[in-house]
Protein backbone atom coordinates (compact mmCIF):
# COMPACT_ATOMS: atom_id res chain seq x y z
CA MET A 1 -0.41 183.07 2.19
CA LYS A 2 0.46 183.51 5.84
CA ASN A 3 -2.61 185.64 6.39
CA ILE A 4 -4.82 182.99 4.76
CA ILE A 5 -3.30 180.21 6.84
CA SER A 6 -3.86 182.27 9.96
CA GLU A 7 -7.55 182.59 9.03
CA ILE A 8 -7.81 178.87 8.28
CA ARG A 9 -6.47 178.11 11.75
CA LYS A 10 -8.58 180.76 13.43
CA HIS A 11 -11.84 179.49 11.92
CA LYS A 12 -10.82 175.80 12.09
CA ILE A 13 -11.68 175.43 8.42
CA GLY A 14 -9.80 172.17 7.93
CA ASP A 15 -6.48 170.67 6.96
CA TYR A 16 -4.16 172.41 4.53
CA ILE A 17 -0.88 171.80 2.70
CA GLU A 18 1.55 174.45 1.46
CA GLU A 19 3.64 174.49 -1.71
CA VAL A 20 2.30 171.31 -3.31
CA PRO A 21 3.23 169.95 -6.78
CA LEU A 22 -0.04 169.61 -8.68
CA SER A 23 1.48 166.61 -10.44
CA LYS A 24 0.51 164.70 -7.29
CA TYR A 25 -3.14 165.69 -7.71
CA THR A 26 -3.77 165.17 -11.43
CA THR A 27 -4.04 161.93 -13.37
CA TYR A 28 -1.73 163.31 -16.08
CA LYS A 29 0.90 163.74 -13.33
CA VAL A 30 1.78 167.26 -14.50
CA GLY A 31 1.31 170.81 -13.21
CA GLY A 32 3.16 173.51 -11.33
CA ILE A 33 3.37 174.20 -7.61
CA ALA A 34 0.15 175.22 -5.85
CA SER A 35 0.68 177.74 -3.08
CA LEU A 36 -1.96 176.15 -0.89
CA ILE A 37 -4.41 173.25 -0.85
CA VAL A 38 -7.25 173.41 1.68
CA TYR A 39 -9.65 170.66 2.79
CA PRO A 40 -12.71 172.35 4.34
CA ASN A 41 -14.52 170.19 6.91
CA SER A 42 -18.08 171.21 6.06
CA VAL A 43 -20.26 173.46 3.93
CA ASP A 44 -20.11 176.17 6.59
CA LYS A 45 -16.30 175.99 6.62
CA LEU A 46 -16.26 176.08 2.81
CA ILE A 47 -18.35 179.25 2.90
CA THR A 48 -16.01 180.79 5.45
CA LEU A 49 -12.99 179.87 3.35
CA ILE A 50 -14.42 181.43 0.20
CA LYS A 51 -15.28 184.61 2.08
CA VAL A 52 -11.69 184.82 3.32
CA LEU A 53 -10.31 184.24 -0.18
CA ARG A 54 -12.58 186.86 -1.69
CA GLU A 55 -11.67 189.40 0.96
CA ASN A 56 -8.02 188.82 0.12
CA LYS A 57 -8.73 188.86 -3.64
CA LEU A 58 -7.20 185.43 -4.10
CA GLU A 59 -8.02 183.11 -6.98
CA TYR A 60 -9.31 179.65 -6.05
CA LYS A 61 -10.18 176.42 -7.82
CA VAL A 62 -12.25 173.48 -6.57
CA LEU A 63 -10.47 170.28 -7.63
CA GLY A 64 -11.88 166.76 -7.57
CA ASN A 65 -9.68 163.79 -8.45
CA GLY A 66 -7.79 165.79 -11.09
CA SER A 67 -8.83 163.36 -13.82
CA ASN A 68 -10.01 165.91 -16.35
CA VAL A 69 -7.83 168.97 -15.84
CA ILE A 70 -4.49 170.11 -17.24
CA PHE A 71 -2.70 172.63 -15.04
CA SER A 72 0.13 174.55 -16.63
CA ASP A 73 3.72 174.07 -15.45
CA LYS A 74 3.85 177.51 -13.84
CA PRO A 75 3.04 178.10 -10.16
CA TYR A 76 -0.62 178.38 -9.20
CA ASP A 77 -0.69 181.40 -6.91
CA GLY A 78 -4.24 180.84 -5.73
CA VAL A 79 -5.80 178.25 -3.45
CA ILE A 80 -6.86 174.75 -4.45
CA ILE A 81 -9.97 173.59 -2.59
CA LYS A 82 -10.46 169.85 -2.12
CA LEU A 83 -13.86 168.56 -0.95
CA ASP A 84 -12.60 165.16 0.21
CA SER A 85 -14.48 165.56 3.50
CA PHE A 86 -17.75 165.86 1.60
CA ASP A 87 -18.10 162.08 1.48
CA ASP A 88 -21.34 161.27 3.29
CA LEU A 89 -23.37 158.48 1.72
CA LYS A 90 -27.05 157.76 2.42
CA ILE A 91 -28.95 154.91 0.81
CA ASP A 92 -32.75 154.88 0.82
CA ASN A 93 -33.88 151.89 -1.21
CA THR A 94 -32.76 152.89 -4.74
CA VAL A 95 -32.21 156.59 -3.97
CA ILE A 96 -28.60 157.50 -3.19
CA THR A 97 -27.52 160.78 -1.62
CA VAL A 98 -23.78 161.24 -1.83
CA GLY A 99 -21.26 163.99 -1.13
CA ALA A 100 -19.39 165.66 -3.97
CA GLY A 101 -16.04 164.41 -2.70
CA TYR A 102 -16.98 160.73 -2.83
CA ASN A 103 -14.94 158.65 -5.27
CA LEU A 104 -17.01 157.74 -8.34
CA MET A 105 -15.39 154.34 -8.95
CA LYS A 106 -15.71 153.42 -5.29
CA LEU A 107 -19.40 154.30 -5.38
CA ALA A 108 -19.95 152.32 -8.59
CA TYR A 109 -18.48 149.17 -7.07
CA LYS A 110 -20.23 149.64 -3.71
CA MET A 111 -23.64 150.07 -5.34
CA SER A 112 -23.05 147.15 -7.69
CA LYS A 113 -22.28 144.80 -4.80
CA MET A 114 -25.56 145.89 -3.22
CA GLY A 115 -27.53 144.98 -6.35
CA LEU A 116 -28.10 148.58 -7.42
CA SER A 117 -27.70 149.15 -11.15
CA GLY A 118 -27.07 152.34 -13.08
CA LEU A 119 -23.47 153.16 -12.20
CA GLU A 120 -21.82 150.33 -14.12
CA PHE A 121 -20.54 152.80 -16.72
CA ALA A 122 -18.61 154.64 -13.99
CA ALA A 123 -16.58 151.68 -12.73
CA GLY A 124 -13.60 152.78 -14.85
CA ILE A 125 -13.85 156.55 -14.43
CA PRO A 126 -11.39 157.87 -11.80
CA GLY A 127 -13.25 161.00 -10.75
CA SER A 128 -15.18 162.42 -7.82
CA ILE A 129 -18.96 162.72 -7.76
CA GLY A 130 -18.73 166.50 -8.08
CA GLY A 131 -16.33 166.29 -10.99
CA ALA A 132 -18.48 163.65 -12.69
CA ILE A 133 -21.56 165.88 -12.43
CA TYR A 134 -19.58 168.87 -13.72
CA MET A 135 -18.35 166.97 -16.81
CA ASN A 136 -21.43 164.75 -17.13
CA ALA A 137 -18.99 161.87 -17.13
CA GLY A 138 -20.06 158.84 -19.06
CA ALA A 139 -19.23 155.71 -21.02
CA TYR A 140 -21.03 152.85 -22.79
CA LYS A 141 -23.90 155.10 -23.91
CA SER A 142 -24.72 156.21 -20.39
CA ASP A 143 -23.71 159.15 -18.21
CA MET A 144 -24.46 160.99 -14.98
CA GLY A 145 -27.41 162.75 -16.57
CA TYR A 146 -29.34 159.47 -16.74
CA ILE A 147 -29.14 158.79 -13.00
CA THR A 148 -28.90 162.22 -11.34
CA SER A 149 -32.17 163.38 -9.82
CA SER A 150 -30.84 166.60 -8.31
CA ILE A 151 -27.75 168.22 -6.87
CA LYS A 152 -27.05 170.70 -4.12
CA VAL A 153 -24.75 173.55 -4.99
CA LEU A 154 -23.15 176.48 -3.27
CA THR A 155 -24.10 179.54 -5.30
CA GLU A 156 -22.02 182.62 -6.04
CA ASP A 157 -23.94 184.32 -3.20
CA LEU A 158 -22.76 181.49 -0.92
CA GLU A 159 -26.23 180.03 -0.48
CA VAL A 160 -27.07 176.33 -0.69
CA LYS A 161 -29.51 175.62 -3.52
CA GLU A 162 -30.99 172.42 -4.92
CA ILE A 163 -31.09 172.09 -8.72
CA TYR A 164 -33.16 169.35 -10.35
CA ASN A 165 -32.24 167.27 -13.38
CA ARG A 166 -34.47 169.17 -15.79
CA ASP A 167 -32.51 172.35 -15.05
CA LEU A 168 -29.01 170.82 -15.06
CA ASP A 169 -28.87 170.86 -18.87
CA PHE A 170 -27.05 167.55 -19.17
CA HIS A 171 -25.72 166.82 -22.64
CA TYR A 172 -22.78 164.83 -24.00
CA ARG A 173 -19.86 165.69 -21.64
CA SER A 174 -21.64 168.90 -20.70
CA SER A 175 -23.74 170.33 -17.88
CA LEU A 176 -25.05 173.55 -16.40
CA LEU A 177 -22.04 173.65 -14.05
CA GLN A 178 -19.55 174.06 -16.89
CA ARG A 179 -21.30 177.20 -18.02
CA ASN A 180 -21.68 178.45 -14.44
CA PRO A 181 -18.27 177.83 -12.82
CA ASN A 182 -19.23 179.81 -9.72
CA LEU A 183 -21.66 177.04 -8.76
CA ILE A 184 -19.95 174.45 -6.57
CA CYS A 185 -21.51 171.00 -6.39
CA ILE A 186 -21.56 169.78 -2.79
CA GLU A 187 -23.97 166.82 -2.98
CA ALA A 188 -25.88 164.70 -5.49
CA THR A 189 -29.01 162.57 -5.36
CA LEU A 190 -28.91 159.59 -7.72
CA VAL A 191 -31.69 157.17 -8.61
CA LEU A 192 -30.64 153.59 -9.41
CA LYS A 193 -32.50 150.33 -10.12
CA ARG A 194 -32.54 146.90 -8.53
CA ALA A 195 -30.71 144.17 -10.43
CA ILE A 196 -28.95 140.86 -9.84
CA VAL A 197 -25.56 141.42 -8.21
CA GLN A 198 -23.71 138.81 -10.25
CA ASP A 199 -25.07 140.19 -13.53
CA ILE A 200 -23.83 143.69 -12.64
CA LEU A 201 -20.40 142.51 -11.52
CA THR A 202 -19.98 140.31 -14.61
CA LEU A 203 -20.74 143.28 -16.86
CA ILE A 204 -18.26 145.48 -14.98
CA GLU A 205 -15.53 142.82 -15.15
CA ASP A 206 -16.12 142.25 -18.87
CA ARG A 207 -15.79 145.97 -19.56
CA LYS A 208 -12.70 146.16 -17.36
CA GLN A 209 -10.96 143.48 -19.41
CA LYS A 210 -11.88 145.28 -22.64
CA ARG A 211 -10.44 148.53 -21.26
CA LEU A 212 -7.21 146.80 -20.29
CA MET A 213 -6.90 145.49 -23.83
CA SER A 214 -7.84 148.69 -25.65
CA GLN A 215 -6.72 151.59 -23.43
CA PRO A 216 -3.21 152.61 -22.25
CA LEU A 217 -4.04 152.37 -18.55
CA GLU A 218 -0.41 151.70 -17.67
CA TYR A 219 0.50 155.37 -18.28
CA PRO A 220 -0.76 158.62 -16.71
CA SER A 221 -3.52 160.18 -18.79
CA ALA A 222 -6.87 161.90 -18.44
CA GLY A 223 -8.86 159.41 -20.46
CA SER A 224 -10.32 160.41 -23.80
CA VAL A 225 -8.86 163.74 -24.90
CA PHE A 226 -11.50 164.75 -27.44
CA ARG A 227 -15.27 164.45 -27.54
CA ASN A 228 -16.58 162.22 -30.29
CA PRO A 229 -18.00 164.24 -33.20
CA SER A 230 -21.58 163.54 -34.19
CA ASP A 231 -21.80 160.14 -35.92
CA ASP A 232 -18.06 159.51 -35.74
CA PHE A 233 -15.23 158.74 -33.33
CA ALA A 234 -12.37 161.07 -32.46
CA GLY A 235 -10.02 158.09 -32.15
CA ARG A 236 -10.82 156.96 -35.70
CA LEU A 237 -10.10 160.40 -37.15
CA ILE A 238 -6.83 160.73 -35.23
CA GLU A 239 -5.69 157.27 -36.29
CA GLU A 240 -6.67 157.87 -39.94
CA ALA A 241 -4.64 161.09 -39.83
CA GLY A 242 -1.58 158.97 -39.01
CA LEU A 243 -1.10 160.46 -35.57
CA LYS A 244 -0.86 157.31 -33.48
CA GLY A 245 2.56 157.34 -31.82
CA LYS A 246 3.09 161.06 -32.48
CA MET A 247 5.32 162.48 -29.74
CA ILE A 248 6.10 165.90 -28.36
CA GLY A 249 8.57 165.83 -25.49
CA GLY A 250 7.44 163.15 -23.08
CA ALA A 251 3.84 163.09 -24.32
CA ILE A 252 2.61 160.64 -26.94
CA VAL A 253 -0.61 159.85 -28.81
CA SER A 254 -1.15 156.32 -27.54
CA PRO A 255 -0.38 153.58 -30.07
CA LYS A 256 -3.07 151.55 -28.29
CA HIS A 257 -5.90 154.12 -28.46
CA ALA A 258 -5.59 157.24 -30.60
CA ASN A 259 -7.93 159.35 -28.43
CA PHE A 260 -5.58 158.97 -25.46
CA ILE A 261 -2.58 161.18 -24.96
CA VAL A 262 -0.35 159.77 -22.25
CA ASN A 263 2.51 160.97 -20.12
CA TYR A 264 4.96 158.49 -21.58
CA ASN A 265 8.26 159.85 -20.30
CA ASN A 266 8.15 162.66 -17.73
CA ALA A 267 6.07 164.91 -19.95
CA THR A 268 5.46 168.51 -18.99
CA ALA A 269 2.03 170.10 -19.12
CA GLN A 270 3.30 172.11 -22.09
CA ASP A 271 4.21 168.89 -23.94
CA ILE A 272 0.67 167.60 -23.47
CA LYS A 273 -0.97 170.86 -24.48
CA ASP A 274 1.24 171.19 -27.57
CA LEU A 275 0.40 167.64 -28.62
CA ILE A 276 -3.33 168.21 -28.13
CA THR A 277 -3.07 171.36 -30.25
CA ASP A 278 -1.12 169.50 -32.96
CA VAL A 279 -3.70 166.71 -33.13
CA LYS A 280 -6.59 169.17 -33.20
CA THR A 281 -4.97 171.21 -36.00
CA THR A 282 -4.07 168.17 -38.09
CA VAL A 283 -7.57 166.67 -37.92
CA LYS A 284 -9.08 170.05 -38.78
CA ASP A 285 -6.77 170.45 -41.79
CA LYS A 286 -7.33 166.90 -43.10
CA TYR A 287 -11.04 166.37 -42.43
CA ASN A 288 -12.44 169.81 -41.59
CA VAL A 289 -13.60 168.44 -38.25
CA ASP A 290 -13.07 170.66 -35.22
CA LEU A 291 -12.41 168.25 -32.36
CA LEU A 292 -13.53 169.53 -28.96
CA VAL A 293 -11.21 168.94 -26.02
CA GLU A 294 -12.82 167.19 -23.04
CA GLN A 295 -10.20 168.34 -20.55
CA GLU A 296 -10.12 171.70 -18.82
CA PHE A 297 -7.00 173.88 -19.10
CA VAL A 298 -6.20 175.72 -15.86
CA ASN A 299 -3.68 178.47 -15.15
CA TRP A 300 -2.52 178.99 -18.74
CA GLU A 301 -3.21 182.71 -19.05
């Protein structure tokens, strides 16, 4: 990595950290050591960084808030790219233009206090804007697809391109970006609506209290593990299968919410993956339902 670091310094790409435990950058608090994390300062610096990495045939991964990924326990020999500096925010009446690195929960609360409605569902989702677009994050029968007008991406050819909602193929926990991982979201344009501030904040607070009562927020997790099957709930199937409280190593199917697997006691990434596999297999055997995992597995090959 010395050559890469030399190039980062030479081109003033941005800050970097060497030999970092990915457990510090994922909400599950698991993952091996990443050789290098880089924080490019701008789109131009991001382009330069990717060119350098390609020239050196190094793997790289753009990582948001780490709330929907499961890195393996082994070292990640590539470069993790963090777009934290991509946090510009422009507000034009009800049209919001925001950088991919902006915190989704922070944006939800900021917009709500300004009387802008549409992001209430996101007040409990600990992701970045880019990650939320990628996953089409959602809750309470709403998601990013309902409010996203367009996004700007960096293409595989390292060109900036705007893609509009109709072409983003938003579906339940799915988007164009998942099927085109070489597209990197760098900015999003969202369209919200005017509403009464107190009404928005009351709704958010009510949902927050319900989450505290029904979800194991006191332990590291990545939220819901499985997508809900059509006309059913993954949590119901898992609970009916008798899997609540099932443990492998330090990972457990939450006794509070069956569609949460939590890092209960210094779990490894392997513990979590094994438990996810066990739940998936059991539900398939009992009900012939193939649960789809929401989270992305990285560095398991």
